[in-house]
Amino acid sequence: MHLIDNLTGKLIRTFNGHKNKINSIAITPDSEYMVTGSEDSTAILWEVKSGRALEVMQHKYPVKSVGISPKTRHIVTSDGKASKWNMAGMMLFEYGGN
């Protein structure tokens, strides 16, 4: 995945980690962190400034949607089940689905 400067069109950073297409992206309002969900059944927490993958959250099925709370910094993902994670990649809660 590539981060491109909207004004200049220049490449700012490349994020390497997913092995299949990305379905969903969420970025904190301060642009410090980003979460991506992919067909490879992972969600990845990224540090935007460095492009470093901080945590990889494994799922049973492709991750169709992700979100991140700007205040609590909790991550939510859905692969048919809704899951809540902390910033260390530990699942806190899982609900419903497959």
Protein backbone atom coordinates (compact mmCIF):
# COMPACT_ATOMS: atom_id res chain seq x y z
CA MET A 1 0.00 0.00 0.00
CA HIS A 2 1.28 3.48 -0.81
CA LEU A 3 0.76 6.83 0.92
CA ILE A 4 0.73 9.61 -1.69
CA ASP A 5 0.92 13.37 -1.12
CA ASN A 6 -2.47 14.68 -2.24
CA LEU A 7 -1.04 17.97 -3.53
CA THR A 8 2.12 16.83 -5.31
CA GLY A 9 1.25 13.23 -6.17
CA LYS A 10 4.62 12.14 -4.78
CA LEU A 11 5.08 8.88 -2.91
CA ILE A 12 5.48 9.53 0.83
CA ARG A 13 5.67 5.99 2.19
CA THR A 14 5.09 2.35 1.32
CA PHE A 15 3.43 -0.01 3.79
CA ASN A 16 4.39 -3.66 3.32
CA GLY A 17 2.60 -6.44 5.17
CA HIS A 18 -0.62 -7.66 3.59
CA LYS A 19 -0.51 -10.55 1.17
CA ASN A 20 -3.85 -9.82 -0.51
CA LYS A 21 -6.07 -6.84 -1.30
CA ILE A 22 -6.98 -4.34 1.41
CA ASN A 23 -10.70 -3.99 2.12
CA SER A 24 -10.77 -1.27 4.76
CA ILE A 25 -8.58 1.49 6.22
CA ALA A 26 -9.03 3.63 9.33
CA ILE A 27 -6.71 6.45 10.45
CA THR A 28 -6.66 8.26 13.79
CA PRO A 29 -7.52 11.98 13.55
CA ASP A 30 -3.93 12.91 14.46
CA SER A 31 -2.68 10.64 11.62
CA GLU A 32 -0.37 8.85 14.04
CA TYR A 33 -1.86 5.36 13.55
CA MET A 34 -3.64 3.49 10.78
CA VAL A 35 -5.42 0.13 10.75
CA THR A 36 -5.96 -1.90 7.59
CA GLY A 37 -8.09 -5.00 7.03
CA SER A 38 -7.39 -7.44 4.21
CA GLU A 39 -8.55 -10.46 2.24
CA ASP A 40 -5.50 -12.23 3.75
CA SER A 41 -7.50 -12.53 7.02
CA THR A 42 -5.36 -10.03 8.91
CA ALA A 43 -5.75 -6.55 10.29
CA ILE A 44 -2.55 -4.56 10.74
CA LEU A 45 -1.91 -1.62 13.05
CA TRP A 46 0.60 0.77 11.47
CA GLU A 47 2.64 3.70 12.72
CA VAL A 48 2.02 6.14 9.87
CA LYS A 49 5.18 8.25 10.30
CA SER A 50 7.58 5.29 10.03
CA GLY A 51 5.45 2.90 7.96
CA ARG A 52 6.19 0.21 10.53
CA ALA A 53 3.66 -2.56 11.22
CA LEU A 54 3.13 -2.50 15.00
CA GLU A 55 0.70 -5.41 15.38
CA VAL A 56 -0.83 -8.05 13.13
CA MET A 57 -4.24 -9.30 14.25
CA GLN A 58 -5.05 -12.71 12.76
CA HIS A 59 -8.65 -13.55 11.84
CA LYS A 60 -10.39 -16.69 10.65
CA TYR A 61 -11.90 -15.03 7.57
CA PRO A 62 -11.07 -11.99 5.39
CA VAL A 63 -11.32 -8.73 7.31
CA LYS A 64 -14.04 -6.63 5.68
CA SER A 65 -14.01 -3.55 7.92
CA VAL A 66 -11.83 -1.85 10.53
CA GLY A 67 -12.06 1.16 12.82
CA ILE A 68 -9.99 2.83 15.52
CA SER A 69 -11.22 4.95 18.40
CA PRO A 70 -9.45 8.31 18.57
CA LYS A 71 -9.86 8.56 22.35
CA THR A 72 -9.42 5.04 23.71
CA ARG A 73 -7.28 3.82 20.80
CA HIS A 74 -9.23 0.56 20.68
CA ILE A 75 -9.39 -1.17 17.32
CA VAL A 76 -12.53 -2.84 15.95
CA THR A 77 -12.53 -5.35 13.11
CA SER A 78 -15.08 -7.50 11.32
CA ASP A 79 -14.54 -10.78 9.50
CA GLY A 80 -18.14 -11.82 10.00
CA LYS A 81 -17.61 -11.47 13.75
CA ALA A 82 -17.06 -8.09 15.41
CA SER A 83 -13.85 -8.00 17.45
CA LYS A 84 -12.41 -5.33 19.74
CA TRP A 85 -8.62 -5.17 20.22
CA ASN A 86 -6.21 -3.07 22.25
CA MET A 87 -3.20 -1.32 20.69
CA ALA A 88 -0.98 -4.27 21.67
CA GLY A 89 -2.99 -6.54 19.34
CA MET A 90 -4.76 -8.42 22.14
CA MET A 91 -8.40 -9.30 21.48
CA LEU A 92 -10.62 -7.89 24.22
CA PHE A 93 -14.03 -8.92 22.94
CA GLU A 94 -15.64 -10.88 20.11
CA TYR A 95 -19.31 -10.92 19.13
CA GLY A 96 -21.50 -13.01 16.82
CA GLY A 97 -21.02 -14.00 13.23
CA ASN A 98 -19.60 -17.08 11.55
